[in-house]
PDB file of N, CA and C in Angstrom:
ATOM      1  N   MET A   1      40.262 -34.740  -5.689  1.00  0.00           N
ATOM      2  CA  MET A   1      39.082 -35.599  -5.702  1.00  0.00           C
ATOM      3  C   MET A   1      39.427 -36.891  -6.400  1.00  0.00           C
ATOM      4  N   GLU A   2      38.910 -37.963  -5.857  1.00  0.00           N
ATOM      5  CA  GLU A   2      39.128 -39.287  -6.423  1.00  0.00           C
ATOM      6  C   GLU A   2      37.771 -39.955  -6.654  1.00  0.00           C
ATOM      7  N   ILE A   3      37.625 -40.597  -7.828  1.00  0.00           N
ATOM      8  CA  ILE A   3      36.363 -41.251  -8.176  1.00  0.00           C
ATOM      9  C   ILE A   3      36.657 -42.695  -8.494  1.00  0.00           C
ATOM     10  N   ASN A   4      35.960 -43.613  -7.791  1.00  0.00           N
ATOM     11  CA  ASN A   4      36.047 -45.057  -8.105  1.00  0.00           C
ATOM     12  C   ASN A   4      34.695 -45.543  -8.551  1.00  0.00           C
ATOM     13  N   HIS A   5      34.624 -46.216  -9.675  1.00  0.00           N
ATOM     14  CA  HIS A   5      33.374 -46.702 -10.239  1.00  0.00           C
ATOM     15  C   HIS A   5      33.369 -48.213 -10.266  1.00  0.00           C
ATOM     16  N   THR A   6      32.321 -48.807  -9.715  1.00  0.00           N
ATOM     17  CA  THR A   6      32.130 -50.245  -9.740  1.00  0.00           C
ATOM     18  C   THR A   6      30.771 -50.544 -10.370  1.00  0.00           C
ATOM     19  N   GLU A   7      30.783 -51.377 -11.388  1.00  0.00           N
ATOM     20  CA  GLU A   7      29.543 -51.706 -12.100  1.00  0.00           C
ATOM     21  C   GLU A   7      29.022 -53.051 -11.590  1.00  0.00           C
ATOM     22  N   PHE A   8      27.799 -53.049 -11.097  1.00  0.00           N
ATOM     23  CA  PHE A   8      27.135 -54.272 -10.685  1.00  0.00           C
ATOM     24  C   PHE A   8      26.013 -54.600 -11.663  1.00  0.00           C
ATOM     25  N   LYS A   9      25.387 -55.743 -11.468  1.00  0.00           N
ATOM     26  CA  LYS A   9      24.324 -56.179 -12.369  1.00  0.00           C
ATOM     27  C   LYS A   9      23.150 -55.190 -12.343  1.00  0.00           C
ATOM     28  N   ARG A  10      22.733 -54.796 -11.146  1.00  0.00           N
ATOM     29  CA  ARG A  10      21.538 -53.978 -11.029  1.00  0.00           C
ATOM     30  C   ARG A  10      21.781 -52.474 -10.928  1.00  0.00           C
ATOM     31  N   CYS A  11      23.002 -52.073 -10.579  1.00  0.00           N
ATOM     32  CA  CYS A  11      23.299 -50.644 -10.446  1.00  0.00           C
ATOM     33  C   CYS A  11      24.807 -50.393 -10.519  1.00  0.00           C
ATOM     34  N   ASP A  12      25.175 -49.127 -10.484  1.00  0.00           N
ATOM     35  CA  ASP A  12      26.566 -48.703 -10.459  1.00  0.00           C
ATOM     36  C   ASP A  12      26.843 -47.978  -9.142  1.00  0.00           C
ATOM     37  N   VAL A  13      27.994 -48.290  -8.522  1.00  0.00           N
ATOM     38  CA  VAL A  13      28.405 -47.594  -7.306  1.00  0.00           C
ATOM     39  C   VAL A  13      29.555 -46.681  -7.668  1.00  0.00           C
ATOM     40  N   VAL A  14      29.392 -45.403  -7.339  1.00  0.00           N
ATOM     41  CA  VAL A  14      30.442 -44.429  -7.582  1.00  0.00           C
ATOM     42  C   VAL A  14      30.879 -43.894  -6.223  1.00  0.00           C
ATOM     43  N   LYS A  15      32.123 -44.170  -5.875  1.00  0.00           N
ATOM     44  CA  LYS A  15      32.682 -43.727  -4.594  1.00  0.00           C
ATOM     45  C   LYS A  15      33.463 -42.472  -4.848  1.00  0.00           C
ATOM     46  N   VAL A  16      33.056 -41.384  -4.182  1.00  0.00           N
ATOM     47  CA  VAL A  16      33.685 -40.074  -4.363  1.00  0.00           C
ATOM     48  C   VAL A  16      34.411 -39.717  -3.078  1.00  0.00           C
ATOM     49  N   SER A  17      35.683 -39.343  -3.171  1.00  0.00           N
ATOM     50  CA  SER A  17      36.426 -38.960  -1.977  1.00  0.00           C
ATOM     51  C   SER A  17      37.158 -37.638  -2.223  1.00  0.00           C
ATOM     52  N   GLY A  18      37.430 -36.921  -1.165  1.00  0.00           N
ATOM     53  CA  GLY A  18      38.123 -35.642  -1.270  1.00  0.00           C
ATOM     54  C   GLY A  18      37.142 -34.501  -1.277  1.00  0.00           C
ATOM     55  N   ARG A  19      37.368 -33.545  -2.179  1.00  0.00           N
ATOM     56  CA  ARG A  19      36.539 -32.339  -2.274  1.00  0.00           C
ATOM     57  C   ARG A  19      35.896 -32.230  -3.665  1.00  0.00           C
ATOM     58  N   VAL A  20      34.629 -31.913  -3.688  1.00  0.00           N
ATOM     59  CA  VAL A  20      33.966 -31.597  -4.956  1.00  0.00           C
ATOM     60  C   VAL A  20      33.660 -30.111  -4.935  1.00  0.00           C
ATOM     61  N   ASP A  21      34.429 -29.351  -5.727  1.00  0.00           N
ATOM     62  CA  ASP A  21      34.230 -27.904  -5.812  1.00  0.00           C
ATOM     63  C   ASP A  21      34.178 -27.503  -7.279  1.00  0.00           C
ATOM     64  N   SER A  22      34.256 -26.229  -7.560  1.00  0.00           N
ATOM     65  CA  SER A  22      34.089 -25.753  -8.944  1.00  0.00           C
ATOM     66  C   SER A  22      35.224 -26.296  -9.853  1.00  0.00           C
ATOM     67  N   ALA A  23      36.361 -26.627  -9.289  1.00  0.00           N
ATOM     68  CA  ALA A  23      37.464 -27.173 -10.084  1.00  0.00           C
ATOM     69  C   ALA A  23      37.303 -28.643 -10.404  1.00  0.00           C
ATOM     70  N   THR A  24      36.687 -29.416  -9.461  1.00  0.00           N
ATOM     71  CA  THR A  24      36.604 -30.861  -9.663  1.00  0.00           C
ATOM     72  C   THR A  24      35.211 -31.349 -10.073  1.00  0.00           C
ATOM     73  N   ALA A  25      34.183 -30.505  -9.921  1.00  0.00           N
ATOM     74  CA  ALA A  25      32.823 -30.900 -10.274  1.00  0.00           C
ATOM     75  C   ALA A  25      32.692 -31.339 -11.737  1.00  0.00           C
ATOM     76  N   PRO A  26      33.372 -30.705 -12.697  1.00  0.00           N
ATOM     77  CA  PRO A  26      33.266 -31.164 -14.079  1.00  0.00           C
ATOM     78  C   PRO A  26      33.726 -32.635 -14.287  1.00  0.00           C
ATOM     79  N   ARG A  27      34.756 -33.059 -13.500  1.00  0.00           N
ATOM     80  CA  ARG A  27      35.196 -34.435 -13.608  1.00  0.00           C
ATOM     81  C   ARG A  27      34.130 -35.406 -13.098  1.00  0.00           C
ATOM     82  N   LEU A  28      33.449 -35.029 -12.013  1.00  0.00           N
ATOM     83  CA  LEU A  28      32.366 -35.859 -11.485  1.00  0.00           C
ATOM     84  C   LEU A  28      31.224 -35.921 -12.495  1.00  0.00           C
ATOM     85  N   ALA A  29      30.873 -34.782 -13.066  1.00  0.00           N
ATOM     86  CA  ALA A  29      29.805 -34.735 -14.072  1.00  0.00           C
ATOM     87  C   ALA A  29      30.145 -35.588 -15.286  1.00  0.00           C
ATOM     88  N   GLU A  30      31.388 -35.537 -15.683  1.00  0.00           N
ATOM     89  CA  GLU A  30      31.866 -36.324 -16.836  1.00  0.00           C
ATOM     90  C   GLU A  30      31.723 -37.843 -16.556  1.00  0.00           C
ATOM     91  N   LYS A  31      32.082 -38.251 -15.334  1.00  0.00           N
ATOM     92  CA  LYS A  31      31.978 -39.654 -14.982  1.00  0.00           C
ATOM     93  C   LYS A  31      30.540 -40.118 -14.931  1.00  0.00           C
ATOM     94  N   LEU A  32      29.678 -39.296 -14.295  1.00  0.00           N
ATOM     95  CA  LEU A  32      28.261 -39.670 -14.214  1.00  0.00           C
ATOM     96  C   LEU A  32      27.603 -39.686 -15.610  1.00  0.00           C
ATOM     97  N   ASN A  33      27.972 -38.748 -16.445  1.00  0.00           N
ATOM     98  CA  ASN A  33      27.434 -38.730 -17.809  1.00  0.00           C
ATOM     99  C   ASN A  33      27.898 -39.947 -18.615  1.00  0.00           C
ATOM    100  N   GLU A  34      29.131 -40.360 -18.360  1.00  0.00           N
ATOM    101  CA  GLU A  34      29.670 -41.546 -19.029  1.00  0.00           C
ATOM    102  C   GLU A  34      28.839 -42.789 -18.671  1.00  0.00           C
ATOM    103  N   ILE A  35      28.465 -42.909 -17.391  1.00  0.00           N
ATOM    104  CA  ILE A  35      27.646 -44.040 -16.942  1.00  0.00           C
ATOM    105  C   ILE A  35      26.260 -43.963 -17.547  1.00  0.00           C
ATOM    106  N   MET A  36      25.670 -42.761 -17.540  1.00  0.00           N
ATOM    107  CA  MET A  36      24.301 -42.616 -18.074  1.00  0.00           C
ATOM    108  C   MET A  36      24.274 -42.784 -19.599  1.00  0.00           C
ATOM    109  N   ASP A  37      25.318 -42.348 -20.269  1.00  0.00           N
ATOM    110  CA  ASP A  37      25.399 -42.540 -21.724  1.00  0.00           C
ATOM    111  C   ASP A  37      25.489 -43.990 -22.108  1.00  0.00           C
ATOM    112  N   ALA A  38      25.955 -44.841 -21.158  1.00  0.00           N
ATOM    113  CA  ALA A  38      26.030 -46.288 -21.391  1.00  0.00           C
ATOM    114  C   ALA A  38      24.654 -46.953 -21.139  1.00  0.00           C
ATOM    115  N   GLY A  39      23.662 -46.134 -20.795  1.00  0.00           N
ATOM    116  CA  GLY A  39      22.322 -46.683 -20.566  1.00  0.00           C
ATOM    117  C   GLY A  39      22.099 -47.212 -19.181  1.00  0.00           C
ATOM    118  N   ARG A  40      22.910 -46.807 -18.237  1.00  0.00           N
ATOM    119  CA  ARG A  40      22.784 -47.265 -16.834  1.00  0.00           C
ATOM    120  C   ARG A  40      22.325 -46.062 -15.994  1.00  0.00           C
ATOM    121  N   PHE A  41      21.098 -46.192 -15.436  1.00  0.00           N
ATOM    122  CA  PHE A  41      20.511 -45.064 -14.747  1.00  0.00           C
ATOM    123  C   PHE A  41      20.239 -45.329 -13.260  1.00  0.00           C
ATOM    124  N   ARG A  42      20.739 -46.387 -12.714  1.00  0.00           N
ATOM    125  CA  ARG A  42      20.604 -46.670 -11.277  1.00  0.00           C
ATOM    126  C   ARG A  42      21.975 -46.498 -10.651  1.00  0.00           C
ATOM    127  N   ILE A  43      22.148 -45.379  -9.969  1.00  0.00           N
ATOM    128  CA  ILE A  43      23.493 -44.998  -9.480  1.00  0.00           C
ATOM    129  C   ILE A  43      23.456 -44.797  -7.966  1.00  0.00           C
ATOM    130  N   VAL A  44      24.393 -45.422  -7.286  1.00  0.00           N
ATOM    131  CA  VAL A  44      24.612 -45.227  -5.843  1.00  0.00           C
ATOM    132  C   VAL A  44      25.869 -44.369  -5.700  1.00  0.00           C
ATOM    133  N   LEU A  45      25.745 -43.221  -5.083  1.00  0.00           N
ATOM    134  CA  LEU A  45      26.895 -42.384  -4.791  1.00  0.00           C
ATOM    135  C   LEU A  45      27.327 -42.640  -3.343  1.00  0.00           C
ATOM    136  N   ASP A  46      28.496 -43.226  -3.181  1.00  0.00           N
ATOM    137  CA  ASP A  46      29.051 -43.496  -1.848  1.00  0.00           C
ATOM    138  C   ASP A  46      29.891 -42.287  -1.460  1.00  0.00           C
ATOM    139  N   LEU A  47      29.415 -41.519  -0.485  1.00  0.00           N
ATOM    140  CA  LEU A  47      30.076 -40.274  -0.090  1.00  0.00           C
ATOM    141  C   LEU A  47      30.796 -40.374   1.251  1.00  0.00           C
ATOM    142  N   GLN A  48      31.198 -41.575   1.625  1.00  0.00           N
ATOM    143  CA  GLN A  48      31.833 -41.795   2.923  1.00  0.00           C
ATOM    144  C   GLN A  48      33.080 -40.964   3.112  1.00  0.00           C
ATOM    145  N   ASP A  49      33.901 -40.844   2.046  1.00  0.00           N
ATOM    146  CA  ASP A  49      35.193 -40.129   2.171  1.00  0.00           C
ATOM    147  C   ASP A  49      35.135 -38.745   1.573  1.00  0.00           C
ATOM    148  N   LEU A  50      33.920 -38.231   1.314  1.00  0.00           N
ATOM    149  CA  LEU A  50      33.780 -36.889   0.767  1.00  0.00           C
ATOM    150  C   LEU A  50      33.888 -35.880   1.903  1.00  0.00           C
ATOM    151  N   ASP A  51      34.832 -34.929   1.768  1.00  0.00           N
ATOM    152  CA  ASP A  51      35.060 -33.946   2.820  1.00  0.00           C
ATOM    153  C   ASP A  51      34.267 -32.657   2.627  1.00  0.00           C
ATOM    154  N   PHE A  52      34.050 -32.275   1.348  1.00  0.00           N
ATOM    155  CA  PHE A  52      33.433 -30.990   1.068  1.00  0.00           C
ATOM    156  C   PHE A  52      32.695 -31.060  -0.267  1.00  0.00           C
ATOM    157  N   ILE A  53      31.552 -30.414  -0.393  1.00  0.00           N
ATOM    158  CA  ILE A  53      30.866 -30.294  -1.662  1.00  0.00           C
ATOM    159  C   ILE A  53      30.397 -28.849  -1.795  1.00  0.00           C
ATOM    160  N   SER A  54      30.676 -28.253  -2.944  1.00  0.00           N
ATOM    161  CA  SER A  54      30.255 -26.861  -3.198  1.00  0.00           C
ATOM    162  C   SER A  54      28.941 -26.864  -3.970  1.00  0.00           C
ATOM    163  N   SER A  55      28.482 -25.641  -4.267  1.00  0.00           N
ATOM    164  CA  SER A  55      27.246 -25.542  -5.051  1.00  0.00           C
ATOM    165  C   SER A  55      27.398 -26.141  -6.441  1.00  0.00           C
ATOM    166  N   ALA A  56      28.616 -26.090  -7.000  1.00  0.00           N
ATOM    167  CA  ALA A  56      28.864 -26.697  -8.287  1.00  0.00           C
ATOM    168  C   ALA A  56      28.682 -28.218  -8.223  1.00  0.00           C
ATOM    169  N   GLY A  57      29.140 -28.800  -7.119  1.00  0.00           N
ATOM    170  CA  GLY A  57      28.975 -30.257  -6.913  1.00  0.00           C
ATOM    171  C   GLY A  57      27.516 -30.608  -6.708  1.00  0.00           C
ATOM    172  N   LEU A  58      26.785 -29.767  -5.984  1.00  0.00           N
ATOM    173  CA  LEU A  58      25.350 -30.007  -5.776  1.00  0.00           C
ATOM    174  C   LEU A  58      24.602 -29.944  -7.107  1.00  0.00           C
ATOM    175  N   ARG A  59      24.995 -29.021  -7.979  1.00  0.00           N
ATOM    176  CA  ARG A  59      24.366 -28.938  -9.321  1.00  0.00           C
ATOM    177  C   ARG A  59      24.585 -30.199 -10.131  1.00  0.00           C
ATOM    178  N   VAL A  60      25.782 -30.788  -9.993  1.00  0.00           N
ATOM    179  CA  VAL A  60      26.086 -32.064 -10.692  1.00  0.00           C
ATOM    180  C   VAL A  60      25.157 -33.161 -10.201  1.00  0.00           C
ATOM    181  N   LEU A  61      24.957 -33.244  -8.869  1.00  0.00           N
ATOM    182  CA  LEU A  61      24.090 -34.267  -8.304  1.00  0.00           C
ATOM    183  C   LEU A  61      22.642 -34.099  -8.760  1.00  0.00           C
ATOM    184  N   ILE A  62      22.152 -32.869  -8.775  1.00  0.00           N
ATOM    185  CA  ILE A  62      20.764 -32.612  -9.209  1.00  0.00           C
ATOM    186  C   ILE A  62      20.617 -32.906 -10.704  1.00  0.00           C
ATOM    187  N   GLY A  63      21.610 -32.519 -11.498  1.00  0.00           N
ATOM    188  CA  GLY A  63      21.548 -32.795 -12.931  1.00  0.00           C
ATOM    189  C   GLY A  63      21.524 -34.288 -13.229  1.00  0.00           C
ATOM    190  N   ALA A  64      22.315 -35.054 -12.493  1.00  0.00           N
ATOM    191  CA  ALA A  64      22.338 -36.496 -12.692  1.00  0.00           C
ATOM    192  C   ALA A  64      21.010 -37.120 -12.260  1.00  0.00           C
ATOM    193  N   GLN A  65      20.456 -36.604 -11.148  1.00  0.00           N
ATOM    194  CA  GLN A  65      19.183 -37.120 -10.667  1.00  0.00           C
ATOM    195  C   GLN A  65      18.073 -36.869 -11.675  1.00  0.00           C
ATOM    196  N   LYS A  66      18.026 -35.664 -12.258  1.00  0.00           N
ATOM    197  CA  LYS A  66      17.015 -35.332 -13.258  1.00  0.00           C
ATOM    198  C   LYS A  66      17.135 -36.240 -14.483  1.00  0.00           C
ATOM    199  N   THR A  67      18.347 -36.483 -14.928  1.00  0.00           N
ATOM    200  CA  THR A  67      18.563 -37.340 -16.101  1.00  0.00           C
ATOM    201  C   THR A  67      18.127 -38.759 -15.793  1.00  0.00           C
ATOM    202  N   CYS A  68      18.494 -39.291 -14.620  1.00  0.00           N
ATOM    203  CA  CYS A  68      18.163 -40.671 -14.277  1.00  0.00           C
ATOM    204  C   CYS A  68      16.662 -40.855 -14.084  1.00  0.00           C
ATOM    205  N   LYS A  69      16.010 -39.905 -13.513  1.00  0.00           N
ATOM    206  CA  LYS A  69      14.569 -40.045 -13.210  1.00  0.00           C
ATOM    207  C   LYS A  69      13.696 -39.810 -14.442  1.00  0.00           C
ATOM    208  N   ARG A  70      14.250 -39.194 -15.492  1.00  0.00           N
ATOM    209  CA  ARG A  70      13.453 -38.915 -16.674  1.00  0.00           C
ATOM    210  C   ARG A  70      12.951 -40.231 -17.262  1.00  0.00           C
ATOM    211  N   TYR A  71      11.683 -40.286 -17.574  1.00  0.00           N
ATOM    212  CA  TYR A  71      11.016 -41.473 -18.125  1.00  0.00           C
ATOM    213  C   TYR A  71      11.074 -42.675 -17.206  1.00  0.00           C
ATOM    214  N   ASN A  72      11.200 -42.434 -15.886  1.00  0.00           N
ATOM    215  CA  ASN A  72      11.232 -43.518 -14.880  1.00  0.00           C
ATOM    216  C   ASN A  72      12.318 -44.567 -15.162  1.00  0.00           C
ATOM    217  N   ARG A  73      13.481 -44.134 -15.579  1.00  0.00           N
ATOM    218  CA  ARG A  73      14.556 -45.078 -15.908  1.00  0.00           C
ATOM    219  C   ARG A  73      15.331 -45.518 -14.685  1.00  0.00           C
ATOM    220  N   GLY A  74      15.404 -44.699 -13.670  1.00  0.00           N
ATOM    221  CA  GLY A  74      16.196 -45.035 -12.481  1.00  0.00           C
ATOM    222  C   GLY A  74      16.307 -43.846 -11.576  1.00  0.00           C
ATOM    223  N   GLU A  75      17.345 -43.820 -10.739  1.00  0.00           N
ATOM    224  CA  GLU A  75      17.556 -42.685  -9.846  1.00  0.00           C
ATOM    225  C   GLU A  75      18.969 -42.733  -9.281  1.00  0.00           C
ATOM    226  N   VAL A  76      19.343 -41.605  -8.682  1.00  0.00           N
ATOM    227  CA  VAL A  76      20.602 -41.519  -7.936  1.00  0.00           C
ATOM    228  C   VAL A  76      20.252 -41.573  -6.459  1.00  0.00           C
ATOM    229  N   VAL A  77      20.903 -42.478  -5.736  1.00  0.00           N
ATOM    230  CA  VAL A  77      20.722 -42.538  -4.297  1.00  0.00           C
ATOM    231  C   VAL A  77      22.074 -42.291  -3.631  1.00  0.00           C
ATOM    232  N   LEU A  78      22.037 -41.785  -2.397  1.00  0.00           N
ATOM    233  CA  LEU A  78      23.257 -41.433  -1.674  1.00  0.00           C
ATOM    234  C   LEU A  78      23.450 -42.403  -0.534  1.00  0.00           C
ATOM    235  N   ALA A  79      24.719 -42.754  -0.279  1.00  0.00           N
ATOM    236  CA  ALA A  79      25.040 -43.666   0.825  1.00  0.00           C
ATOM    237  C   ALA A  79      26.214 -43.113   1.616  1.00  0.00           C
ATOM    238  N   ASN A  80      26.249 -43.419   2.922  1.00  0.00           N
ATOM    239  CA  ASN A  80      27.329 -42.988   3.807  1.00  0.00           C
ATOM    240  C   ASN A  80      27.572 -41.500   3.784  1.00  0.00           C
ATOM    241  N   VAL A  81      26.501 -40.709   3.861  1.00  0.00           N
ATOM    242  CA  VAL A  81      26.637 -39.259   3.767  1.00  0.00           C
ATOM    243  C   VAL A  81      27.119 -38.724   5.115  1.00  0.00           C
ATOM    244  N   GLN A  82      28.213 -37.974   5.083  1.00  0.00           N
ATOM    245  CA  GLN A  82      28.778 -37.379   6.274  1.00  0.00           C
ATOM    246  C   GLN A  82      27.870 -36.215   6.769  1.00  0.00           C
ATOM    247  N   PRO A  83      27.874 -35.926   8.077  1.00  0.00           N
ATOM    248  CA  PRO A  83      26.988 -34.873   8.616  1.00  0.00           C
ATOM    249  C   PRO A  83      27.162 -33.513   7.934  1.00  0.00           C
ATOM    250  N   ASN A  84      28.407 -33.125   7.637  1.00  0.00           N
ATOM    251  CA  ASN A  84      28.600 -31.800   7.019  1.00  0.00           C
ATOM    252  C   ASN A  84      28.050 -31.774   5.582  1.00  0.00           C
ATOM    253  N   ILE A  85      28.139 -32.880   4.870  1.00  0.00           N
ATOM    254  CA  ILE A  85      27.597 -32.947   3.525  1.00  0.00           C
ATOM    255  C   ILE A  85      26.051 -32.950   3.588  1.00  0.00           C
ATOM    256  N   LEU A  86      25.527 -33.688   4.553  1.00  0.00           N
ATOM    257  CA  LEU A  86      24.068 -33.744   4.737  1.00  0.00           C
ATOM    258  C   LEU A  86      23.525 -32.359   5.060  1.00  0.00           C
ATOM    259  N   SER A  87      24.244 -31.607   5.884  1.00  0.00           N
ATOM    260  CA  SER A  87      23.760 -30.247   6.230  1.00  0.00           C
ATOM    261  C   SER A  87      23.853 -29.334   5.016  1.00  0.00           C
ATOM    262  N   ALA A  88      24.847 -29.513   4.128  1.00  0.00           N
ATOM    263  CA  ALA A  88      24.905 -28.718   2.897  1.00  0.00           C
ATOM    264  C   ALA A  88      23.734 -29.055   1.976  1.00  0.00           C
ATOM    265  N   LEU A  89      23.416 -30.346   1.864  1.00  0.00           N
ATOM    266  CA  LEU A  89      22.245 -30.748   1.057  1.00  0.00           C
ATOM    267  C   LEU A  89      20.967 -30.199   1.651  1.00  0.00           C
ATOM    268  N   ASP A  90      20.858 -30.235   2.981  1.00  0.00           N
ATOM    269  CA  ASP A  90      19.658 -29.746   3.647  1.00  0.00           C
ATOM    270  C   ASP A  90      19.523 -28.233   3.490  1.00  0.00           C
ATOM    271  N   LEU A  91      20.640 -27.535   3.630  1.00  0.00           N
ATOM    272  CA  LEU A  91      20.654 -26.081   3.506  1.00  0.00           C
ATOM    273  C   LEU A  91      20.210 -25.634   2.084  1.00  0.00           C
ATOM    274  N   ALA A  92      20.644 -26.402   1.104  1.00  0.00           N
ATOM    275  CA  ALA A  92      20.279 -26.087  -0.302  1.00  0.00           C
ATOM    276  C   ALA A  92      18.864 -26.561  -0.624  1.00  0.00           C
ATOM    277  N   GLY A  93      18.257 -27.348   0.274  1.00  0.00           N
ATOM    278  CA  GLY A  93      16.900 -27.831   0.059  1.00  0.00           C
ATOM    279  C   GLY A  93      16.842 -29.043  -0.852  1.00  0.00           C
ATOM    280  N   PHE A  94      17.949 -29.799  -0.940  1.00  0.00           N
ATOM    281  CA  PHE A  94      18.031 -30.903  -1.881  1.00  0.00           C
ATOM    282  C   PHE A  94      17.757 -32.280  -1.238  1.00  0.00           C
ATOM    283  N   THR A  95      17.606 -32.352   0.095  1.00  0.00           N
ATOM    284  CA  THR A  95      17.387 -33.660   0.719  1.00  0.00           C
ATOM    285  C   THR A  95      16.130 -34.384   0.239  1.00  0.00           C
ATOM    286  N   PRO A  96      15.033 -33.649  -0.101  1.00  0.00           N
ATOM    287  CA  PRO A  96      13.863 -34.397  -0.578  1.00  0.00           C
ATOM    288  C   PRO A  96      14.031 -35.080  -1.944  1.00  0.00           C
ATOM    289  N   PHE A  97      15.060 -34.646  -2.685  1.00  0.00           N
ATOM    290  CA  PHE A  97      15.269 -35.187  -4.044  1.00  0.00           C
ATOM    291  C   PHE A  97      16.044 -36.484  -4.076  1.00  0.00           C
ATOM    292  N   PHE A  98      16.604 -36.897  -2.923  1.00  0.00           N
ATOM    293  CA  PHE A  98      17.467 -38.080  -2.887  1.00  0.00           C
ATOM    294  C   PHE A  98      17.020 -39.033  -1.804  1.00  0.00           C
ATOM    295  N   LYS A  99      17.115 -40.334  -2.071  1.00  0.00           N
ATOM    296  CA  LYS A  99      17.018 -41.321  -1.012  1.00  0.00           C
ATOM    297  C   LYS A  99      18.409 -41.405  -0.375  1.00  0.00           C
ATOM    298  N   ILE A 100      18.467 -41.364   0.935  1.00  0.00           N
ATOM    299  CA  ILE A 100      19.757 -41.372   1.618  1.00  0.00           C
ATOM    300  C   ILE A 100      19.828 -42.613   2.519  1.00  0.00           C
ATOM    301  N   PHE A 101      20.881 -43.406   2.335  1.00  0.00           N
ATOM    302  CA  PHE A 101      21.066 -44.654   3.082  1.00  0.00           C
ATOM    303  C   PHE A 101      22.286 -44.550   3.962  1.00  0.00           C
ATOM    304  N   ASP A 102      22.257 -45.352   5.087  1.00  0.00           N
ATOM    305  CA  ASP A 102      23.349 -45.333   6.027  1.00  0.00           C
ATOM    306  C   ASP A 102      24.579 -46.089   5.531  1.00  0.00           C
ATOM    307  N   ASP A 103      24.346 -47.057   4.630  1.00  0.00           N
ATOM    308  CA  ASP A 103      25.494 -47.842   4.123  1.00  0.00           C
ATOM    309  C   ASP A 103      25.256 -48.200   2.650  1.00  0.00           C
ATOM    310  N   THR A 104      26.333 -48.585   1.996  1.00  0.00           N
ATOM    311  CA  THR A 104      26.270 -48.889   0.572  1.00  0.00           C
ATOM    312  C   THR A 104      25.454 -50.145   0.289  1.00  0.00           C
ATOM    313  N   VAL A 105      25.510 -51.138   1.159  1.00  0.00           N
ATOM    314  CA  VAL A 105      24.804 -52.383   0.955  1.00  0.00           C
ATOM    315  C   VAL A 105      23.288 -52.148   0.860  1.00  0.00           C
ATOM    316  N   SER A 106      22.732 -51.377   1.798  1.00  0.00           N
ATOM    317  CA  SER A 106      21.313 -51.083   1.744  1.00  0.00           C
ATOM    318  C   SER A 106      20.935 -50.217   0.560  1.00  0.00           C
ATOM    319  N   ALA A 107      21.852 -49.324   0.165  1.00  0.00           N
ATOM    320  CA  ALA A 107      21.585 -48.492  -1.035  1.00  0.00           C
ATOM    321  C   ALA A 107      21.505 -49.368  -2.294  1.00  0.00           C
ATOM    322  N   VAL A 108      22.427 -50.291  -2.429  1.00  0.00           N
ATOM    323  CA  VAL A 108      22.424 -51.196  -3.588  1.00  0.00           C
ATOM    324  C   VAL A 108      21.193 -52.114  -3.509  1.00  0.00           C
ATOM    325  N   GLY A 109      20.826 -52.550  -2.312  1.00  0.00           N
ATOM    326  CA  GLY A 109      19.646 -53.377  -2.125  1.00  0.00           C
ATOM    327  C   GLY A 109      18.339 -52.673  -2.465  1.00  0.00           C
ATOM    328  N   ASN A 110      18.366 -51.337  -2.483  1.00  0.00           N
ATOM    329  CA  ASN A 110      17.214 -50.562  -2.872  1.00  0.00           C
ATOM    330  C   ASN A 110      16.794 -50.835  -4.332  1.00  0.00           C
ATOM    331  N   PHE A 111      17.751 -51.196  -5.146  1.00  0.00           N
ATOM    332  CA  PHE A 111      17.458 -51.490  -6.564  1.00  0.00           C
ATOM    333  C   PHE A 111      17.145 -52.943  -6.753  1.00  0.00           C
TER     334      PHE A 111
END
């Protein structure tokens, strides 16, 4: 798994590629917590190059969303979600918890 973080004025874009499973999910959680600990709660997750996400990865996404939405500070939005990842989110019942955008530009424009 590879994580690239870009900080913009209004939000942070985190590009995740590869596989997010029980072995790599803690690294993703660590990166997201690092961003939130810096007081930045508007996060765009670019999942264009994500091949697989396990239940551990889904827990990381939900945990980050709950932290960001607490006290109306911000939210996590998803961009460039591949069909297999979208079906995993849908199967877990998590699609209502996230705004999903077709591209990163419109996701960043949401903020």
